[in-house]
Structure formats: C-alpha cells, structure tokens
Amino acid sequence: MENHKGLLKSYILGFILSIILTLAAYIPVEMGSTSHKGVSSQFGITVFILALAFIQLIVQMVFFLHMGNETRPRWKLGVFISFASIILIVVVASIWIMQHLNYNMSLVQFNNLMQYGEGF
C-alpha cells in the first residue's frame, strides 16, 4: 500500500509539473502573437519554448516512464534511443519534404492544382 501512495504522488507531481510547463510555454507564445516583435525576440521565444519542451520531456520520462528507477536500465535506454531515432528521422524528413515542395513544383503545376485539383 505504501508503494502505491508513493506512485500516486509521483503521478500527481508529474501531472502538475506538466501543466505548469505547458502553461509556461503557452503564455509567451500567446503574448508574442498579439504584439509585433522583431526577429530576435521571436528567436528568443523559440529557444525558450524548445528549452521548456526539453524539460517537459525529462519530466515525462522521470515521472511517468520511471526512467531512473528500473532494474534493467540498458533495456529501456535501448528502446528509448530507437524510438527517439525514428521520431527524429520522421520529423527531419517531413521538414525537408515541406521545404522542397515549393522548389519542386512549377507555377503551372501549382495553378492546375489550385484550379482543377489536378496534380502532377
């Protein structure tokens, strides 16, 4: 019974920290979208959001995946590295495809796509 109470406290603390980190990321974005700021402040907000995302990742791994207190840490670490690699490949490939769509599509193809729904 004692272990379940500690586990419940861990889940509640992780949930509260996740909500706080989510709100801490939401508020600067909302404030930045209502005012017109320069590129440097947008870069600062982006770096701040990425830092909060990394902290959120650590909180999720510690409080919900229990990455620090397992009997076989190498097994979970191997699975985590594989998962992170697949996600990184998918995200980088998606960004690369979106960046090169405009370059690979001619103006005629774009007009046909917009007017008639015809692609390549």
PDB file of N, CA and C in Angstrom:
ATOM      1  N   MET A   1       0.822  -1.192   0.000  1.00  0.00           N
ATOM      2  CA  MET A   1       0.000   0.000   0.000  1.00  0.00           C
ATOM      3  C   MET A   1       0.866   1.256   0.000  1.00  0.00           C
ATOM      4  N   GLU A   2       1.994   1.201   0.719  1.00  0.00           N
ATOM      5  CA  GLU A   2       2.888   2.357   0.798  1.00  0.00           C
ATOM      6  C   GLU A   2       3.459   2.699  -0.579  1.00  0.00           C
ATOM      7  N   ASN A   3       3.772   1.670  -1.366  1.00  0.00           N
ATOM      8  CA  ASN A   3       4.333   1.889  -2.691  1.00  0.00           C
ATOM      9  C   ASN A   3       3.327   2.555  -3.613  1.00  0.00           C
ATOM     10  N   HIS A   4       2.047   2.197  -3.484  1.00  0.00           N
ATOM     11  CA  HIS A   4       1.016   2.781  -4.325  1.00  0.00           C
ATOM     12  C   HIS A   4       0.818   4.259  -4.019  1.00  0.00           C
ATOM     13  N   LYS A   5       0.926   4.642  -2.749  1.00  0.00           N
ATOM     14  CA  LYS A   5       0.796   6.053  -2.385  1.00  0.00           C
ATOM     15  C   LYS A   5       1.952   6.867  -2.953  1.00  0.00           C
ATOM     16  N   GLY A   6       3.160   6.308  -2.894  1.00  0.00           N
ATOM     17  CA  GLY A   6       4.317   6.992  -3.469  1.00  0.00           C
ATOM     18  C   GLY A   6       4.200   7.116  -4.976  1.00  0.00           C
ATOM     19  N   LEU A   7       3.668   6.079  -5.610  1.00  0.00           N
ATOM     20  CA  LEU A   7       3.471   6.102  -7.051  1.00  0.00           C
ATOM     21  C   LEU A   7       2.406   7.120  -7.436  1.00  0.00           C
ATOM     22  N   LEU A   8       1.332   7.180  -6.667  1.00  0.00           N
ATOM     23  CA  LEU A   8       0.278   8.153  -6.930  1.00  0.00           C
ATOM     24  C   LEU A   8       0.799   9.573  -6.753  1.00  0.00           C
ATOM     25  N   LYS A   9       1.596   9.808  -5.709  1.00  0.00           N
ATOM     26  CA  LYS A   9       2.192  11.138  -5.511  1.00  0.00           C
ATOM     27  C   LYS A   9       3.111  11.509  -6.671  1.00  0.00           C
ATOM     28  N   SER A  10       3.836  10.534  -7.171  1.00  0.00           N
ATOM     29  CA  SER A  10       4.727  10.768  -8.309  1.00  0.00           C
ATOM     30  C   SER A  10       3.922  11.154  -9.542  1.00  0.00           C
ATOM     31  N   TYR A  11       2.834  10.450  -9.799  1.00  0.00           N
ATOM     32  CA  TYR A  11       1.985  10.773 -10.951  1.00  0.00           C
ATOM     33  C   TYR A  11       1.350  12.156 -10.808  1.00  0.00           C
ATOM     34  N   ILE A  12       0.871  12.475  -9.633  1.00  0.00           N
ATOM     35  CA  ILE A  12       0.238  13.782  -9.411  1.00  0.00           C
ATOM     36  C   ILE A  12       1.260  14.901  -9.565  1.00  0.00           C
ATOM     37  N   LEU A  13       2.458  14.724  -8.991  1.00  0.00           N
ATOM     38  CA  LEU A  13       3.505  15.736  -9.127  1.00  0.00           C
ATOM     39  C   LEU A  13       3.913  15.902 -10.587  1.00  0.00           C
ATOM     40  N   GLY A  14       4.055  14.798 -11.318  1.00  0.00           N
ATOM     41  CA  GLY A  14       4.381  14.868 -12.738  1.00  0.00           C
ATOM     42  C   GLY A  14       3.299  15.561 -13.540  1.00  0.00           C
ATOM     43  N   PHE A  15       2.041  15.285 -13.202  1.00  0.00           N
ATOM     44  CA  PHE A  15       0.927  15.928 -13.901  1.00  0.00           C
ATOM     45  C   PHE A  15       0.916  17.431 -13.650  1.00  0.00           C
ATOM     46  N   ILE A  16       1.121  17.842 -12.406  1.00  0.00           N
ATOM     47  CA  ILE A  16       1.133  19.267 -12.068  1.00  0.00           C
ATOM     48  C   ILE A  16       2.303  19.973 -12.758  1.00  0.00           C
ATOM     49  N   LEU A  17       3.481  19.343 -12.743  1.00  0.00           N
ATOM     50  CA  LEU A  17       4.631  19.935 -13.431  1.00  0.00           C
ATOM     51  C   LEU A  17       4.390  20.040 -14.936  1.00  0.00           C
ATOM     52  N   SER A  18       3.746  19.045 -15.515  1.00  0.00           N
ATOM     53  CA  SER A  18       3.442  19.093 -16.946  1.00  0.00           C
ATOM     54  C   SER A  18       2.488  20.227 -17.281  1.00  0.00           C
ATOM     55  N   ILE A  19       1.483  20.430 -16.449  1.00  0.00           N
ATOM     56  CA  ILE A  19       0.548  21.538 -16.674  1.00  0.00           C
ATOM     57  C   ILE A  19       1.259  22.884 -16.546  1.00  0.00           C
ATOM     58  N   ILE A  20       2.106  23.020 -15.535  1.00  0.00           N
ATOM     59  CA  ILE A  20       2.839  24.273 -15.339  1.00  0.00           C
ATOM     60  C   ILE A  20       3.755  24.540 -16.526  1.00  0.00           C
ATOM     61  N   LEU A  21       4.470  23.526 -16.997  1.00  0.00           N
ATOM     62  CA  LEU A  21       5.362  23.712 -18.141  1.00  0.00           C
ATOM     63  C   LEU A  21       4.590  24.026 -19.423  1.00  0.00           C
ATOM     64  N   THR A  22       3.430  23.410 -19.589  1.00  0.00           N
ATOM     65  CA  THR A  22       2.610  23.696 -20.762  1.00  0.00           C
ATOM     66  C   THR A  22       2.112  25.138 -20.732  1.00  0.00           C
ATOM     67  N   LEU A  23       1.645  25.595 -19.587  1.00  0.00           N
ATOM     68  CA  LEU A  23       1.198  26.983 -19.472  1.00  0.00           C
ATOM     69  C   LEU A  23       2.362  27.954 -19.622  1.00  0.00           C
ATOM     70  N   ALA A  24       3.530  27.576 -19.105  1.00  0.00           N
ATOM     71  CA  ALA A  24       4.711  28.432 -19.247  1.00  0.00           C
ATOM     72  C   ALA A  24       5.124  28.561 -20.707  1.00  0.00           C
ATOM     73  N   ALA A  25       4.827  27.576 -21.523  1.00  0.00           N
ATOM     74  CA  ALA A  25       5.114  27.665 -22.953  1.00  0.00           C
ATOM     75  C   ALA A  25       4.001  28.391 -23.706  1.00  0.00           C
ATOM     76  N   TYR A  26       2.776  28.231 -23.259  1.00  0.00           N
ATOM     77  CA  TYR A  26       1.634  28.823 -23.955  1.00  0.00           C
ATOM     78  C   TYR A  26       1.592  30.340 -23.797  1.00  0.00           C
ATOM     79  N   ILE A  27       1.850  30.820 -22.609  1.00  0.00           N
ATOM     80  CA  ILE A  27       1.701  32.254 -22.332  1.00  0.00           C
ATOM     81  C   ILE A  27       2.642  33.117 -23.181  1.00  0.00           C
ATOM     82  N   PRO A  28       3.941  32.833 -23.286  1.00  0.00           N
ATOM     83  CA  PRO A  28       4.786  33.673 -24.148  1.00  0.00           C
ATOM     84  C   PRO A  28       4.392  33.615 -25.619  1.00  0.00           C
ATOM     85  N   VAL A  29       3.942  32.462 -26.072  1.00  0.00           N
ATOM     86  CA  VAL A  29       3.519  32.360 -27.466  1.00  0.00           C
ATOM     87  C   VAL A  29       2.281  33.208 -27.699  1.00  0.00           C
ATOM     88  N   GLU A  30       1.333  33.146 -26.790  1.00  0.00           N
ATOM     89  CA  GLU A  30       0.112  33.937 -26.921  1.00  0.00           C
ATOM     90  C   GLU A  30       0.416  35.431 -26.833  1.00  0.00           C
ATOM     91  N   MET A  31       1.284  35.814 -25.927  1.00  0.00           N
ATOM     92  CA  MET A  31       1.653  37.226 -25.808  1.00  0.00           C
ATOM     93  C   MET A  31       2.442  37.692 -27.025  1.00  0.00           C
ATOM     94  N   GLY A  32       3.294  36.832 -27.565  1.00  0.00           N
ATOM     95  CA  GLY A  32       4.097  37.192 -28.733  1.00  0.00           C
ATOM     96  C   GLY A  32       3.275  37.273 -29.994  1.00  0.00           C
ATOM     97  N   SER A  33       2.180  36.517 -30.078  1.00  0.00           N
ATOM     98  CA  SER A  33       1.353  36.555 -31.287  1.00  0.00           C
ATOM     99  C   SER A  33       0.460  37.790 -31.331  1.00  0.00           C
ATOM    100  N   THR A  34       0.196  38.403 -30.193  1.00  0.00           N
ATOM    101  CA  THR A  34      -0.659  39.591 -30.190  1.00  0.00           C
ATOM    102  C   THR A  34       0.128  40.870 -30.424  1.00  0.00           C
ATOM    103  N   SER A  35       1.423  40.867 -30.179  1.00  0.00           N
ATOM    104  CA  SER A  35       2.231  42.052 -30.418  1.00  0.00           C
ATOM    105  C   SER A  35       3.235  41.762 -31.520  1.00  0.00           C
ATOM    106  N   HIS A  36       3.591  42.809 -32.252  1.00  0.00           N
ATOM    107  CA  HIS A  36       4.548  42.657 -33.344  1.00  0.00           C
ATOM    108  C   HIS A  36       5.940  42.930 -32.815  1.00  0.00           C
ATOM    109  N   LYS A  37       6.728  41.867 -32.733  1.00  0.00           N
ATOM    110  CA  LYS A  37       8.075  41.998 -32.229  1.00  0.00           C
ATOM    111  C   LYS A  37       9.060  41.638 -33.328  1.00  0.00           C
ATOM    112  N   GLY A  38      10.308  41.915 -33.080  1.00  0.00           N
ATOM    113  CA  GLY A  38      11.344  41.655 -34.059  1.00  0.00           C
ATOM    114  C   GLY A  38      11.733  40.195 -34.132  1.00  0.00           C
ATOM    115  N   VAL A  39      12.657  39.921 -35.040  1.00  0.00           N
ATOM    116  CA  VAL A  39      13.121  38.562 -35.265  1.00  0.00           C
ATOM    117  C   VAL A  39      13.875  38.036 -34.041  1.00  0.00           C
ATOM    118  N   SER A  40      14.623  38.912 -33.385  1.00  0.00           N
ATOM    119  CA  SER A  40      15.412  38.448 -32.244  1.00  0.00           C
ATOM    120  C   SER A  40      14.513  37.992 -31.095  1.00  0.00           C
ATOM    121  N   SER A  41      13.394  38.672 -30.877  1.00  0.00           N
ATOM    122  CA  SER A  41      12.501  38.234 -29.803  1.00  0.00           C
ATOM    123  C   SER A  41      11.781  36.945 -30.190  1.00  0.00           C
ATOM    124  N   GLN A  42      11.474  36.776 -31.473  1.00  0.00           N
ATOM    125  CA  GLN A  42      10.872  35.522 -31.919  1.00  0.00           C
ATOM    126  C   GLN A  42      11.858  34.372 -31.749  1.00  0.00           C
ATOM    127  N   PHE A  43      13.123  34.624 -32.020  1.00  0.00           N
ATOM    128  CA  PHE A  43      14.145  33.610 -31.805  1.00  0.00           C
ATOM    129  C   PHE A  43      14.259  33.283 -30.324  1.00  0.00           C
ATOM    130  N   GLY A  44      14.200  34.298 -29.487  1.00  0.00           N
ATOM    131  CA  GLY A  44      14.257  34.079 -28.042  1.00  0.00           C
ATOM    132  C   GLY A  44      13.086  33.253 -27.542  1.00  0.00           C
ATOM    133  N   ILE A  45      11.895  33.536 -28.057  1.00  0.00           N
ATOM    134  CA  ILE A  45      10.710  32.765 -27.679  1.00  0.00           C
ATOM    135  C   ILE A  45      10.855  31.317 -28.151  1.00  0.00           C
ATOM    136  N   THR A  46      11.391  31.138 -29.348  1.00  0.00           N
ATOM    137  CA  THR A  46      11.580  29.789 -29.879  1.00  0.00           C
ATOM    138  C   THR A  46      12.562  28.994 -29.022  1.00  0.00           C
ATOM    139  N   VAL A  47      13.662  29.622 -28.638  1.00  0.00           N
ATOM    140  CA  VAL A  47      14.644  28.949 -27.787  1.00  0.00           C
ATOM    141  C   VAL A  47      14.021  28.623 -26.431  1.00  0.00           C
ATOM    142  N   PHE A  48      13.246  29.552 -25.889  1.00  0.00           N
ATOM    143  CA  PHE A  48      12.572  29.330 -24.611  1.00  0.00           C
ATOM    144  C   PHE A  48      11.593  28.168 -24.701  1.00  0.00           C
ATOM    145  N   ILE A  49      10.820  28.096 -25.780  1.00  0.00           N
ATOM    146  CA  ILE A  49       9.852  27.011 -25.976  1.00  0.00           C
ATOM    147  C   ILE A  49      10.577  25.669 -26.115  1.00  0.00           C
ATOM    148  N   LEU A  50      11.681  25.662 -26.863  1.00  0.00           N
ATOM    149  CA  LEU A  50      12.438  24.421 -27.010  1.00  0.00           C
ATOM    150  C   LEU A  50      13.037  23.970 -25.680  1.00  0.00           C
ATOM    151  N   ALA A  51      13.506  24.915 -24.868  1.00  0.00           N
ATOM    152  CA  ALA A  51      14.037  24.567 -23.549  1.00  0.00           C
ATOM    153  C   ALA A  51      12.935  23.979 -22.668  1.00  0.00           C
ATOM    154  N   LEU A  52      11.750  24.599 -22.703  1.00  0.00           N
ATOM    155  CA  LEU A  52      10.632  24.056 -21.926  1.00  0.00           C
ATOM    156  C   LEU A  52      10.203  22.682 -22.440  1.00  0.00           C
ATOM    157  N   ALA A  53      10.276  22.471 -23.750  1.00  0.00           N
ATOM    158  CA  ALA A  53       9.937  21.160 -24.310  1.00  0.00           C
ATOM    159  C   ALA A  53      10.915  20.100 -23.833  1.00  0.00           C
ATOM    160  N   PHE A  54      12.196  20.452 -23.765  1.00  0.00           N
ATOM    161  CA  PHE A  54      13.191  19.507 -23.270  1.00  0.00           C
ATOM    162  C   PHE A  54      12.949  19.194 -21.790  1.00  0.00           C
ATOM    163  N   ILE A  55      12.631  20.210 -21.006  1.00  0.00           N
ATOM    164  CA  ILE A  55      12.335  19.991 -19.587  1.00  0.00           C
ATOM    165  C   ILE A  55      11.078  19.132 -19.444  1.00  0.00           C
ATOM    166  N   GLN A  56      10.091  19.389 -20.284  1.00  0.00           N
ATOM    167  CA  GLN A  56       8.859  18.592 -20.257  1.00  0.00           C
ATOM    168  C   GLN A  56       9.170  17.128 -20.593  1.00  0.00           C
ATOM    169  N   LEU A  57      10.072  16.901 -21.543  1.00  0.00           N
ATOM    170  CA  LEU A  57      10.477  15.546 -21.888  1.00  0.00           C
ATOM    171  C   LEU A  57      11.114  14.846 -20.693  1.00  0.00           C
ATOM    172  N   ILE A  58      11.970  15.554 -19.982  1.00  0.00           N
ATOM    173  CA  ILE A  58      12.617  14.977 -18.804  1.00  0.00           C
ATOM    174  C   ILE A  58      11.567  14.651 -17.732  1.00  0.00           C
ATOM    175  N   VAL A  59      10.640  15.566 -17.507  1.00  0.00           N
ATOM    176  CA  VAL A  59       9.585  15.335 -16.511  1.00  0.00           C
ATOM    177  C   VAL A  59       8.749  14.115 -16.890  1.00  0.00           C
ATOM    178  N   GLN A  60       8.376  14.010 -18.164  1.00  0.00           N
ATOM    179  CA  GLN A  60       7.577  12.865 -18.609  1.00  0.00           C
ATOM    180  C   GLN A  60       8.340  11.560 -18.425  1.00  0.00           C
ATOM    181  N   MET A  61       9.636  11.573 -18.753  1.00  0.00           N
ATOM    182  CA  MET A  61      10.429  10.344 -18.636  1.00  0.00           C
ATOM    183  C   MET A  61      10.616   9.931 -17.183  1.00  0.00           C
ATOM    184  N   VAL A  62      10.827  10.880 -16.295  1.00  0.00           N
ATOM    185  CA  VAL A  62      11.090  10.547 -14.899  1.00  0.00           C
ATOM    186  C   VAL A  62       9.810  10.160 -14.163  1.00  0.00           C
ATOM    187  N   PHE A  63       8.753  10.969 -14.313  1.00  0.00           N
ATOM    188  CA  PHE A  63       7.551  10.753 -13.504  1.00  0.00           C
ATOM    189  C   PHE A  63       6.582   9.738 -14.089  1.00  0.00           C
ATOM    190  N   PHE A  64       6.543   9.593 -15.414  1.00  0.00           N
ATOM    191  CA  PHE A  64       5.567   8.678 -15.997  1.00  0.00           C
ATOM    192  C   PHE A  64       6.194   7.413 -16.560  1.00  0.00           C
ATOM    193  N   LEU A  65       7.389   7.516 -17.120  1.00  0.00           N
ATOM    194  CA  LEU A  65       8.055   6.324 -17.651  1.00  0.00           C
ATOM    195  C   LEU A  65       9.012   5.700 -16.645  1.00  0.00           C
ATOM    196  N   HIS A  66       9.242   6.386 -15.535  1.00  0.00           N
ATOM    197  CA  HIS A  66      10.110   5.904 -14.454  1.00  0.00           C
ATOM    198  C   HIS A  66      11.483   5.485 -14.988  1.00  0.00           C
ATOM    199  N   MET A  67      12.111   6.375 -15.745  1.00  0.00           N
ATOM    200  CA  MET A  67      13.386   6.062 -16.386  1.00  0.00           C
ATOM    201  C   MET A  67      14.558   6.019 -15.414  1.00  0.00           C
ATOM    202  N   GLY A  68      14.418   6.476 -14.202  1.00  0.00           N
ATOM    203  CA  GLY A  68      15.543   6.496 -13.292  1.00  0.00           C
ATOM    204  C   GLY A  68      15.595   5.351 -12.310  1.00  0.00           C
ATOM    205  N   ASN A  69      14.516   4.622 -12.157  1.00  0.00           N
ATOM    206  CA  ASN A  69      14.485   3.610 -11.088  1.00  0.00           C
ATOM    207  C   ASN A  69      14.040   2.240 -11.596  1.00  0.00           C
ATOM    208  N   GLU A  70      14.722   1.738 -12.612  1.00  0.00           N
ATOM    209  CA  GLU A  70      14.379   0.421 -13.129  1.00  0.00           C
ATOM    210  C   GLU A  70      15.520  -0.558 -12.858  1.00  0.00           C
ATOM    211  N   THR A  71      15.207  -1.830 -12.968  1.00  0.00           N
ATOM    212  CA  THR A  71      16.214  -2.851 -12.691  1.00  0.00           C
ATOM    213  C   THR A  71      17.108  -3.095 -13.901  1.00  0.00           C
ATOM    214  N   ARG A  72      16.593  -2.892 -15.088  1.00  0.00           N
ATOM    215  CA  ARG A  72      17.380  -3.100 -16.306  1.00  0.00           C
ATOM    216  C   ARG A  72      17.389  -1.815 -17.129  1.00  0.00           C
ATOM    217  N   PRO A  73      18.223  -0.844 -16.760  1.00  0.00           N
ATOM    218  CA  PRO A  73      18.191   0.449 -17.438  1.00  0.00           C
ATOM    219  C   PRO A  73      18.660   0.388 -18.893  1.00  0.00           C
ATOM    220  N   ARG A  74      19.533  -0.537 -19.226  1.00  0.00           N
ATOM    221  CA  ARG A  74      20.018  -0.612 -20.609  1.00  0.00           C
ATOM    222  C   ARG A  74      18.903  -1.011 -21.568  1.00  0.00           C
ATOM    223  N   TRP A  75      18.026  -1.859 -21.130  1.00  0.00           N
ATOM    224  CA  TRP A  75      16.925  -2.319 -21.974  1.00  0.00           C
ATOM    225  C   TRP A  75      16.009  -1.152 -22.315  1.00  0.00           C
ATOM    226  N   LYS A  76      15.620  -0.374 -21.319  1.00  0.00           N
ATOM    227  CA  LYS A  76      14.757   0.785 -21.564  1.00  0.00           C
ATOM    228  C   LYS A  76      15.496   1.867 -22.344  1.00  0.00           C
ATOM    229  N   LEU A  77      16.784   2.026 -22.076  1.00  0.00           N
ATOM    230  CA  LEU A  77      17.560   3.030 -22.804  1.00  0.00           C
ATOM    231  C   LEU A  77      17.659   2.668 -24.280  1.00  0.00           C
ATOM    232  N   GLY A  78      17.847   1.402 -24.584  1.00  0.00           N
ATOM    233  CA  GLY A  78      17.900   0.968 -25.982  1.00  0.00           C
ATOM    234  C   GLY A  78      16.592   1.225 -26.710  1.00  0.00           C
ATOM    235  N   VAL A  79      15.491   0.921 -26.060  1.00  0.00           N
ATOM    236  CA  VAL A  79      14.178   1.177 -26.651  1.00  0.00           C
ATOM    237  C   VAL A  79      13.957   2.677 -26.840  1.00  0.00           C
ATOM    238  N   PHE A  80      14.364   3.460 -25.838  1.00  0.00           N
ATOM    239  CA  PHE A  80      14.190   4.902 -25.928  1.00  0.00           C
ATOM    240  C   PHE A  80      15.027   5.499 -27.057  1.00  0.00           C
ATOM    241  N   ILE A  81      16.266   5.052 -27.207  1.00  0.00           N
ATOM    242  CA  ILE A  81      17.118   5.575 -28.278  1.00  0.00           C
ATOM    243  C   ILE A  81      16.557   5.189 -29.646  1.00  0.00           C
ATOM    244  N   SER A  82      16.039   3.982 -29.780  1.00  0.00           N
ATOM    245  CA  SER A  82      15.421   3.570 -31.042  1.00  0.00           C
ATOM    246  C   SER A  82      14.199   4.422 -31.349  1.00  0.00           C
ATOM    247  N   PHE A  83      13.364   4.635 -30.353  1.00  0.00           N
ATOM    248  CA  PHE A  83      12.164   5.458 -30.523  1.00  0.00           C
ATOM    249  C   PHE A  83      12.534   6.890 -30.894  1.00  0.00           C
ATOM    250  N   ALA A  84      13.509   7.471 -30.193  1.00  0.00           N
ATOM    251  CA  ALA A  84      13.930   8.840 -30.471  1.00  0.00           C
ATOM    252  C   ALA A  84      14.527   8.960 -31.867  1.00  0.00           C
ATOM    253  N   SER A  85      15.259   7.943 -32.302  1.00  0.00           N
ATOM    254  CA  SER A  85      15.840   7.967 -33.646  1.00  0.00           C
ATOM    255  C   SER A  85      14.759   7.943 -34.716  1.00  0.00           C
ATOM    256  N   ILE A  86      13.767   7.116 -34.538  1.00  0.00           N
ATOM    257  CA  ILE A  86      12.676   7.035 -35.517  1.00  0.00           C
ATOM    258  C   ILE A  86      11.915   8.355 -35.567  1.00  0.00           C
ATOM    259  N   ILE A  87      11.618   8.928 -34.412  1.00  0.00           N
ATOM    260  CA  ILE A  87      10.907  10.213 -34.378  1.00  0.00           C
ATOM    261  C   ILE A  87      11.743  11.301 -35.040  1.00  0.00           C
ATOM    262  N   LEU A  88      13.040  11.334 -34.772  1.00  0.00           N
ATOM    263  CA  LEU A  88      13.927  12.330 -35.378  1.00  0.00           C
ATOM    264  C   LEU A  88      13.958  12.189 -36.900  1.00  0.00           C
ATOM    265  N   ILE A  89      14.032  10.956 -37.377  1.00  0.00           N
ATOM    266  CA  ILE A  89      14.037  10.738 -38.827  1.00  0.00           C
ATOM    267  C   ILE A  89      12.732  11.211 -39.452  1.00  0.00           C
ATOM    268  N   VAL A  90      11.608  10.893 -38.830  1.00  0.00           N
ATOM    269  CA  VAL A  90      10.306  11.303 -39.374  1.00  0.00           C
ATOM    270  C   VAL A  90      10.171  12.822 -39.374  1.00  0.00           C
ATOM    271  N   VAL A  91      10.573  13.483 -38.294  1.00  0.00           N
ATOM    272  CA  VAL A  91      10.442  14.937 -38.207  1.00  0.00           C
ATOM    273  C   VAL A  91      11.367  15.623 -39.209  1.00  0.00           C
ATOM    274  N   VAL A  92      12.618  15.214 -39.267  1.00  0.00           N
ATOM    275  CA  VAL A  92      13.569  15.843 -40.196  1.00  0.00           C
ATOM    276  C   VAL A  92      13.141  15.596 -41.640  1.00  0.00           C
ATOM    277  N   ALA A  93      12.710  14.384 -41.962  1.00  0.00           N
ATOM    278  CA  ALA A  93      12.257  14.093 -43.320  1.00  0.00           C
ATOM    279  C   ALA A  93      11.018  14.908 -43.678  1.00  0.00           C
ATOM    280  N   SER A  94      10.099  15.080 -42.753  1.00  0.00           N
ATOM    281  CA  SER A  94       8.902  15.877 -43.021  1.00  0.00           C
ATOM    282  C   SER A  94       9.250  17.337 -43.272  1.00  0.00           C
ATOM    283  N   ILE A  95      10.134  17.877 -42.459  1.00  0.00           N
ATOM    284  CA  ILE A  95      10.555  19.272 -42.658  1.00  0.00           C
ATOM    285  C   ILE A  95      11.277  19.416 -43.988  1.00  0.00           C
ATOM    286  N   TRP A  96      12.138  18.470 -44.333  1.00  0.00           N
ATOM    287  CA  TRP A  96      12.857  18.525 -45.588  1.00  0.00           C
ATOM    288  C   TRP A  96      11.888  18.469 -46.777  1.00  0.00           C
ATOM    289  N   ILE A  97      10.894  17.599 -46.710  1.00  0.00           N
ATOM    290  CA  ILE A  97       9.909  17.490 -47.794  1.00  0.00           C
ATOM    291  C   ILE A  97       9.126  18.785 -47.927  1.00  0.00           C
ATOM    292  N   MET A  98       8.691  19.363 -46.803  1.00  0.00           N
ATOM    293  CA  MET A  98       7.920  20.608 -46.868  1.00  0.00           C
ATOM    294  C   MET A  98       8.753  21.760 -47.414  1.00  0.00           C
ATOM    295  N   GLN A  99      10.042  21.803 -47.079  1.00  0.00           N
ATOM    296  CA  GLN A  99      10.903  22.870 -47.583  1.00  0.00           C
ATOM    297  C   GLN A  99      11.118  22.748 -49.089  1.00  0.00           C
ATOM    298  N   HIS A 100      11.152  21.526 -49.599  1.00  0.00           N
ATOM    299  CA  HIS A 100      11.459  21.327 -51.014  1.00  0.00           C
ATOM    300  C   HIS A 100      10.218  21.195 -51.892  1.00  0.00           C
ATOM    301  N   LEU A 101       9.040  21.197 -51.321  1.00  0.00           N
ATOM    302  CA  LEU A 101       7.827  21.139 -52.143  1.00  0.00           C
ATOM    303  C   LEU A 101       7.689  22.358 -53.029  1.00  0.00           C
ATOM    304  N   ASN A 102       7.932  23.511 -52.477  1.00  0.00           N
ATOM    305  CA  ASN A 102       7.809  24.745 -53.232  1.00  0.00           C
ATOM    306  C   ASN A 102       8.831  24.784 -54.364  1.00  0.00           C
ATOM    307  N   TYR A 103      10.022  24.283 -54.120  1.00  0.00           N
ATOM    308  CA  TYR A 103      11.080  24.298 -55.127  1.00  0.00           C
ATOM    309  C   TYR A 103      10.759  23.338 -56.270  1.00  0.00           C
ATOM    310  N   ASN A 104      10.192  22.200 -55.965  1.00  0.00           N
ATOM    311  CA  ASN A 104       9.951  21.178 -56.976  1.00  0.00           C
ATOM    312  C   ASN A 104       8.657  21.376 -57.754  1.00  0.00           C
ATOM    313  N   MET A 105       7.788  22.258 -57.327  1.00  0.00           N
ATOM    314  CA  MET A 105       6.518  22.456 -58.011  1.00  0.00           C
ATOM    315  C   MET A 105       6.601  23.718 -58.859  1.00  0.00           C
ATOM    316  N   SER A 106       6.322  23.574 -60.158  1.00  0.00           N
ATOM    317  CA  SER A 106       6.354  24.741 -61.036  1.00  0.00           C
ATOM    318  C   SER A 106       5.065  25.539 -60.870  1.00  0.00           C
ATOM    319  N   LEU A 107       5.067  26.754 -61.422  1.00  0.00           N
ATOM    320  CA  LEU A 107       3.900  27.627 -61.308  1.00  0.00           C
ATOM    321  C   LEU A 107       2.704  27.044 -62.051  1.00  0.00           C
ATOM    322  N   VAL A 108       2.930  26.406 -63.205  1.00  0.00           N
ATOM    323  CA  VAL A 108       1.839  25.798 -63.977  1.00  0.00           C
ATOM    324  C   VAL A 108       1.217  24.648 -63.179  1.00  0.00           C
ATOM    325  N   GLN A 109       2.056  23.813 -62.587  1.00  0.00           N
ATOM    326  CA  GLN A 109       1.543  22.712 -61.781  1.00  0.00           C
ATOM    327  C   GLN A 109       0.763  23.232 -60.580  1.00  0.00           C
ATOM    328  N   PHE A 110       1.242  24.306 -59.975  1.00  0.00           N
ATOM    329  CA  PHE A 110       0.549  24.884 -58.833  1.00  0.00           C
ATOM    330  C   PHE A 110      -0.809  25.436 -59.240  1.00  0.00           C
ATOM    331  N   ASN A 111      -0.865  26.135 -60.369  1.00  0.00           N
ATOM    332  CA  ASN A 111      -2.147  26.677 -60.840  1.00  0.00           C
ATOM    333  C   ASN A 111      -3.130  25.564 -61.177  1.00  0.00           C
ATOM    334  N   ASN A 112      -2.657  24.488 -61.838  1.00  0.00           N
ATOM    335  CA  ASN A 112      -3.542  23.352 -62.131  1.00  0.00           C
ATOM    336  C   ASN A 112      -4.048  22.699 -60.857  1.00  0.00           C
ATOM    337  N   LEU A 113      -3.175  22.603 -59.901  1.00  0.00           N
ATOM    338  CA  LEU A 113      -3.566  22.005 -58.632  1.00  0.00           C
ATOM    339  C   LEU A 113      -4.628  22.845 -57.935  1.00  0.00           C
ATOM    340  N   MET A 114      -4.452  24.155 -57.944  1.00  0.00           N
ATOM    341  CA  MET A 114      -5.389  25.027 -57.259  1.00  0.00           C
ATOM    342  C   MET A 114      -6.718  25.140 -58.000  1.00  0.00           C
ATOM    343  N   GLN A 115      -6.696  25.170 -59.330  1.00  0.00           N
ATOM    344  CA  GLN A 115      -7.926  25.360 -60.099  1.00  0.00           C
ATOM    345  C   GLN A 115      -8.711  24.067 -60.299  1.00  0.00           C
ATOM    346  N   TYR A 116      -8.023  23.024 -60.670  1.00  0.00           N
ATOM    347  CA  TYR A 116      -8.719  21.805 -61.080  1.00  0.00           C
ATOM    348  C   TYR A 116      -8.518  20.633 -60.130  1.00  0.00           C
ATOM    349  N   GLY A 117      -7.690  20.806 -59.163  1.00  0.00           N
ATOM    350  CA  GLY A 117      -7.400  19.711 -58.250  1.00  0.00           C
ATOM    351  C   GLY A 117      -6.537  18.642 -58.865  1.00  0.00           C
ATOM    352  N   GLU A 118      -5.886  18.982 -59.999  1.00  0.00           N
ATOM    353  CA  GLU A 118      -5.022  18.020 -60.686  1.00  0.00           C
ATOM    354  C   GLU A 118      -3.588  18.208 -60.202  1.00  0.00           C
ATOM    355  N   GLY A 119      -2.965  17.118 -59.996  1.00  0.00           N
ATOM    356  CA  GLY A 119      -1.584  17.171 -59.519  1.00  0.00           C
ATOM    357  C   GLY A 119      -0.601  17.013 -60.648  1.00  0.00           C
ATOM    358  N   PHE A 120       0.379  16.253 -60.410  1.00  0.00           N
ATOM    359  CA  PHE A 120       1.472  16.061 -61.358  1.00  0.00           C
ATOM    360  C   PHE A 120       1.015  15.144 -62.439  1.00  0.00           C
TER     361      PHE A 120
END
